[in-house]
């Protein structure tokens, strides 16, 4: 069975994210946190819709949360926000190798080779938000994404 794994980097979609189909590019949204949360929700919706579309093709598609990985994500932030992010990463962050564990598991372990359209945290299937489980949102996002891509001249 062929496998496609999609990486996502946060669980913020669970409590915060909802989609505004009139502002998919978030140009009207000032909050970086709202934009980030929406992007993670879109990762989930895209993964679930792609898994549905590939259901009978022998290809599995899943997404995962690596945990809070200590990276240089806060380097471009200044002041209090940089301090907060760096402190959280220092206190709660895991190494990049630890963060890669679940994606490596999904890509290589035979025990999950038949599972598709799921969200994993620490090698286990995890619950998502009600928005992420909304199949009509997933289909609508897929269609909107196709239209956006078609508008580009390649």
C-alpha atoms as a PDB file:
ATOM      1  CA  UNK A   1       0.000   0.000   0.000  1.00  0.00           C
ATOM      2  CA  UNK A   2       1.363   3.414  -0.920  1.00  0.00           C
ATOM      3  CA  UNK A   3       1.458   5.965   1.875  1.00  0.00           C
ATOM      4  CA  UNK A   4       1.245   9.747   1.977  1.00  0.00           C
ATOM      5  CA  UNK A   5       1.758  11.438   5.321  1.00  0.00           C
ATOM      6  CA  UNK A   6       0.965  15.065   5.994  1.00  0.00           C
ATOM      7  CA  UNK A   7       2.688  16.884   8.806  1.00  0.00           C
ATOM      8  CA  UNK A   8       0.900  19.416  10.901  1.00  0.00           C
ATOM      9  CA  UNK A   9       2.399  21.312  13.736  1.00  0.00           C
ATOM     10  CA  UNK A  10      -0.221  22.259  16.270  1.00  0.00           C
ATOM     11  CA  UNK A  11      -3.353  21.233  18.109  1.00  0.00           C
ATOM     12  CA  UNK A  12      -4.636  24.806  18.190  1.00  0.00           C
ATOM     13  CA  UNK A  13      -7.432  23.833  15.803  1.00  0.00           C
ATOM     14  CA  UNK A  14      -9.142  21.945  18.636  1.00  0.00           C
ATOM     15  CA  UNK A  15     -10.149  24.967  20.680  1.00  0.00           C
ATOM     16  CA  UNK A  16      -9.753  28.027  18.493  1.00  0.00           C
ATOM     17  CA  UNK A  17     -10.020  27.482  14.775  1.00  0.00           C
ATOM     18  CA  UNK A  18     -12.960  28.020  12.491  1.00  0.00           C
ATOM     19  CA  UNK A  19     -12.984  28.856   8.818  1.00  0.00           C
ATOM     20  CA  UNK A  20     -14.151  32.022   7.173  1.00  0.00           C
ATOM     21  CA  UNK A  21     -14.658  31.066   3.544  1.00  0.00           C
ATOM     22  CA  UNK A  22     -14.816  34.765   2.658  1.00  0.00           C
ATOM     23  CA  UNK A  23     -11.329  35.218   4.113  1.00  0.00           C
ATOM     24  CA  UNK A  24      -9.478  31.986   3.329  1.00  0.00           C
ATOM     25  CA  UNK A  25      -6.208  33.827   2.790  1.00  0.00           C
ATOM     26  CA  UNK A  26      -6.735  35.630   6.133  1.00  0.00           C
ATOM     27  CA  UNK A  27      -6.022  39.049   4.636  1.00  0.00           C
ATOM     28  CA  UNK A  28      -8.774  40.497   6.840  1.00  0.00           C
ATOM     29  CA  UNK A  29      -7.522  38.695   9.948  1.00  0.00           C
ATOM     30  CA  UNK A  30      -5.025  40.558  12.101  1.00  0.00           C
ATOM     31  CA  UNK A  31      -4.308  37.913  14.726  1.00  0.00           C
ATOM     32  CA  UNK A  32      -1.349  35.679  13.854  1.00  0.00           C
ATOM     33  CA  UNK A  33      -2.757  33.083  16.232  1.00  0.00           C
ATOM     34  CA  UNK A  34      -6.100  32.979  14.406  1.00  0.00           C
ATOM     35  CA  UNK A  35      -4.318  32.663  11.046  1.00  0.00           C
ATOM     36  CA  UNK A  36      -2.078  29.913  12.402  1.00  0.00           C
ATOM     37  CA  UNK A  37      -5.021  28.037  13.939  1.00  0.00           C
ATOM     38  CA  UNK A  38      -6.952  28.223  10.678  1.00  0.00           C
ATOM     39  CA  UNK A  39      -3.983  26.886   8.737  1.00  0.00           C
ATOM     40  CA  UNK A  40      -3.852  23.850  11.021  1.00  0.00           C
ATOM     41  CA  UNK A  41      -7.597  23.301  10.630  1.00  0.00           C
ATOM     42  CA  UNK A  42      -7.157  23.487   6.861  1.00  0.00           C
ATOM     43  CA  UNK A  43      -4.385  20.854   7.070  1.00  0.00           C
ATOM     44  CA  UNK A  44      -6.832  18.515   8.788  1.00  0.00           C
ATOM     45  CA  UNK A  45      -9.723  19.202   6.433  1.00  0.00           C
ATOM     46  CA  UNK A  46      -7.479  18.747   3.400  1.00  0.00           C
ATOM     47  CA  UNK A  47      -6.068  15.477   4.769  1.00  0.00           C
ATOM     48  CA  UNK A  48      -9.499  14.043   5.506  1.00  0.00           C
ATOM     49  CA  UNK A  49     -10.869  15.008   2.093  1.00  0.00           C
ATOM     50  CA  UNK A  50      -7.798  13.648   0.288  1.00  0.00           C
ATOM     51  CA  UNK A  51      -8.089  10.371   2.198  1.00  0.00           C
ATOM     52  CA  UNK A  52     -11.729  10.133   1.106  1.00  0.00           C
ATOM     53  CA  UNK A  53     -10.812  10.799  -2.534  1.00  0.00           C
ATOM     54  CA  UNK A  54      -8.025   8.184  -2.466  1.00  0.00           C
ATOM     55  CA  UNK A  55      -9.996   5.614  -0.488  1.00  0.00           C
ATOM     56  CA  UNK A  56      -9.978   2.895  -3.155  1.00  0.00           C
ATOM     57  CA  UNK A  57      -6.541   3.633  -4.633  1.00  0.00           C
ATOM     58  CA  UNK A  58      -4.374   1.851  -2.062  1.00  0.00           C
ATOM     59  CA  UNK A  59      -2.944   5.136  -0.788  1.00  0.00           C
ATOM     60  CA  UNK A  60      -3.197   6.176   2.842  1.00  0.00           C
ATOM     61  CA  UNK A  61      -3.138   9.781   4.009  1.00  0.00           C
ATOM     62  CA  UNK A  62      -2.870  10.899   7.618  1.00  0.00           C
ATOM     63  CA  UNK A  63      -1.777  13.961   9.537  1.00  0.00           C
ATOM     64  CA  UNK A  64      -0.113  14.338  12.885  1.00  0.00           C
ATOM     65  CA  UNK A  65       0.932  16.693  15.628  1.00  0.00           C
ATOM     66  CA  UNK A  66       4.628  16.407  16.494  1.00  0.00           C
ATOM     67  CA  UNK A  67       4.316  18.087  19.889  1.00  0.00           C
ATOM     68  CA  UNK A  68       5.838  21.381  20.962  1.00  0.00           C
ATOM     69  CA  UNK A  69       9.178  21.147  19.204  1.00  0.00           C
ATOM     70  CA  UNK A  70      12.044  23.405  20.230  1.00  0.00           C
ATOM     71  CA  UNK A  71      12.873  25.329  17.077  1.00  0.00           C
ATOM     72  CA  UNK A  72      13.888  28.886  16.266  1.00  0.00           C
ATOM     73  CA  UNK A  73      10.269  29.832  15.546  1.00  0.00           C
ATOM     74  CA  UNK A  74      10.435  32.897  17.786  1.00  0.00           C
ATOM     75  CA  UNK A  75      13.545  34.398  16.218  1.00  0.00           C
ATOM     76  CA  UNK A  76      11.632  37.025  14.239  1.00  0.00           C
ATOM     77  CA  UNK A  77       9.481  38.085  17.193  1.00  0.00           C
ATOM     78  CA  UNK A  78      10.563  40.991  19.357  1.00  0.00           C
ATOM     79  CA  UNK A  79       9.862  41.767  22.975  1.00  0.00           C
ATOM     80  CA  UNK A  80       7.331  40.026  25.157  1.00  0.00           C
ATOM     81  CA  UNK A  81       6.036  37.643  22.462  1.00  0.00           C
ATOM     82  CA  UNK A  82       9.561  36.388  21.749  1.00  0.00           C
ATOM     83  CA  UNK A  83      10.181  35.918  25.472  1.00  0.00           C
ATOM     84  CA  UNK A  84       6.922  33.966  25.936  1.00  0.00           C
ATOM     85  CA  UNK A  85       7.517  31.687  22.950  1.00  0.00           C
ATOM     86  CA  UNK A  86      11.127  31.010  23.897  1.00  0.00           C
ATOM     87  CA  UNK A  87      10.124  30.298  27.502  1.00  0.00           C
ATOM     88  CA  UNK A  88       7.392  27.849  26.474  1.00  0.00           C
ATOM     89  CA  UNK A  89       9.771  26.097  24.090  1.00  0.00           C
ATOM     90  CA  UNK A  90      12.440  25.896  26.777  1.00  0.00           C
ATOM     91  CA  UNK A  91      10.071  24.538  29.432  1.00  0.00           C
ATOM     92  CA  UNK A  92       7.764  22.350  27.341  1.00  0.00           C
ATOM     93  CA  UNK A  93       9.620  21.828  24.081  1.00  0.00           C
ATOM     94  CA  UNK A  94      10.929  18.520  22.810  1.00  0.00           C
ATOM     95  CA  UNK A  95      13.848  17.930  20.477  1.00  0.00           C
ATOM     96  CA  UNK A  96      13.369  17.829  16.700  1.00  0.00           C
ATOM     97  CA  UNK A  97      14.202  14.098  16.821  1.00  0.00           C
ATOM     98  CA  UNK A  98      11.418  13.525  19.353  1.00  0.00           C
ATOM     99  CA  UNK A  99       9.087  15.674  17.241  1.00  0.00           C
ATOM    100  CA  UNK A 100       9.807  13.474  14.220  1.00  0.00           C
ATOM    101  CA  UNK A 101       8.862  10.260  16.032  1.00  0.00           C
ATOM    102  CA  UNK A 102       5.183  10.074  15.035  1.00  0.00           C
ATOM    103  CA  UNK A 103       5.748  10.956  11.390  1.00  0.00           C
ATOM    104  CA  UNK A 104       8.501   8.348  11.123  1.00  0.00           C
ATOM    105  CA  UNK A 105       6.171   5.847  12.798  1.00  0.00           C
ATOM    106  CA  UNK A 106       3.396   6.650  10.311  1.00  0.00           C
ATOM    107  CA  UNK A 107       5.744   6.382   7.344  1.00  0.00           C
ATOM    108  CA  UNK A 108       7.388   3.108   8.341  1.00  0.00           C
ATOM    109  CA  UNK A 109       5.324   1.025  10.755  1.00  0.00           C
ATOM    110  CA  UNK A 110       3.292  -1.786   9.187  1.00  0.00           C
ATOM    111  CA  UNK A 111       0.694  -1.602  11.981  1.00  0.00           C
ATOM    112  CA  UNK A 112      -0.671   1.662  10.538  1.00  0.00           C
ATOM    113  CA  UNK A 113      -0.154   0.958   6.826  1.00  0.00           C
ATOM    114  CA  UNK A 114      -3.898   0.391   6.309  1.00  0.00           C
ATOM    115  CA  UNK A 115      -5.120   3.407   8.327  1.00  0.00           C
ATOM    116  CA  UNK A 116      -6.122   6.530   6.411  1.00  0.00           C
ATOM    117  CA  UNK A 117      -7.855   9.818   7.085  1.00  0.00           C
ATOM    118  CA  UNK A 118      -6.825  10.045  10.735  1.00  0.00           C
ATOM    119  CA  UNK A 119      -5.072  12.503  13.003  1.00  0.00           C
ATOM    120  CA  UNK A 120      -2.247  11.158  15.182  1.00  0.00           C
ATOM    121  CA  UNK A 121      -0.646  12.464  18.371  1.00  0.00           C
ATOM    122  CA  UNK A 122       2.166  10.454  20.010  1.00  0.00           C
ATOM    123  CA  UNK A 123       1.627   7.522  17.626  1.00  0.00           C
ATOM    124  CA  UNK A 124      -2.074   7.241  18.503  1.00  0.00           C
ATOM    125  CA  UNK A 125      -5.220   8.285  16.681  1.00  0.00           C
ATOM    126  CA  UNK A 126      -6.465  11.420  18.373  1.00  0.00           C
ATOM    127  CA  UNK A 127      -9.717  13.360  18.446  1.00  0.00           C
ATOM    128  CA  UNK A 128     -10.021  16.535  16.412  1.00  0.00           C
ATOM    129  CA  UNK A 129     -12.328  19.508  16.674  1.00  0.00           C
ATOM    130  CA  UNK A 130     -15.940  19.378  15.447  1.00  0.00           C
ATOM    131  CA  UNK A 131     -14.932  21.797  12.671  1.00  0.00           C
ATOM    132  CA  UNK A 132     -12.242  19.378  11.464  1.00  0.00           C
ATOM    133  CA  UNK A 133     -14.774  16.556  11.370  1.00  0.00           C
ATOM    134  CA  UNK A 134     -17.243  18.547   9.272  1.00  0.00           C
ATOM    135  CA  UNK A 135     -17.258  16.748   5.915  1.00  0.00           C
ATOM    136  CA  UNK A 136     -19.113  19.556   4.178  1.00  0.00           C
ATOM    137  CA  UNK A 137     -16.374  22.016   5.290  1.00  0.00           C
ATOM    138  CA  UNK A 138     -13.729  19.643   3.944  1.00  0.00           C
ATOM    139  CA  UNK A 139     -15.456  19.377   0.556  1.00  0.00           C
ATOM    140  CA  UNK A 140     -16.042  23.133   0.407  1.00  0.00           C
ATOM    141  CA  UNK A 141     -12.396  23.857   1.251  1.00  0.00           C
ATOM    142  CA  UNK A 142     -11.264  21.367  -1.397  1.00  0.00           C
ATOM    143  CA  UNK A 143     -13.434  23.058  -4.034  1.00  0.00           C
ATOM    144  CA  UNK A 144     -12.278  26.538  -2.997  1.00  0.00           C
ATOM    145  CA  UNK A 145      -8.651  25.381  -3.138  1.00  0.00           C
ATOM    146  CA  UNK A 146      -9.135  23.946  -6.614  1.00  0.00           C
ATOM    147  CA  UNK A 147     -10.609  27.245  -7.783  1.00  0.00           C
ATOM    148  CA  UNK A 148      -7.730  29.211  -6.299  1.00  0.00           C
ATOM    149  CA  UNK A 149      -5.160  26.974  -7.968  1.00  0.00           C
ATOM    150  CA  UNK A 150      -6.990  27.193 -11.317  1.00  0.00           C
ATOM    151  CA  UNK A 151      -6.736  30.976 -11.167  1.00  0.00           C
ATOM    152  CA  UNK A 152      -2.930  30.777 -11.411  1.00  0.00           C
ATOM    153  CA  UNK A 153      -1.377  30.697 -14.843  1.00  0.00           C
ATOM    154  CA  UNK A 154       1.268  27.973 -14.923  1.00  0.00           C
END
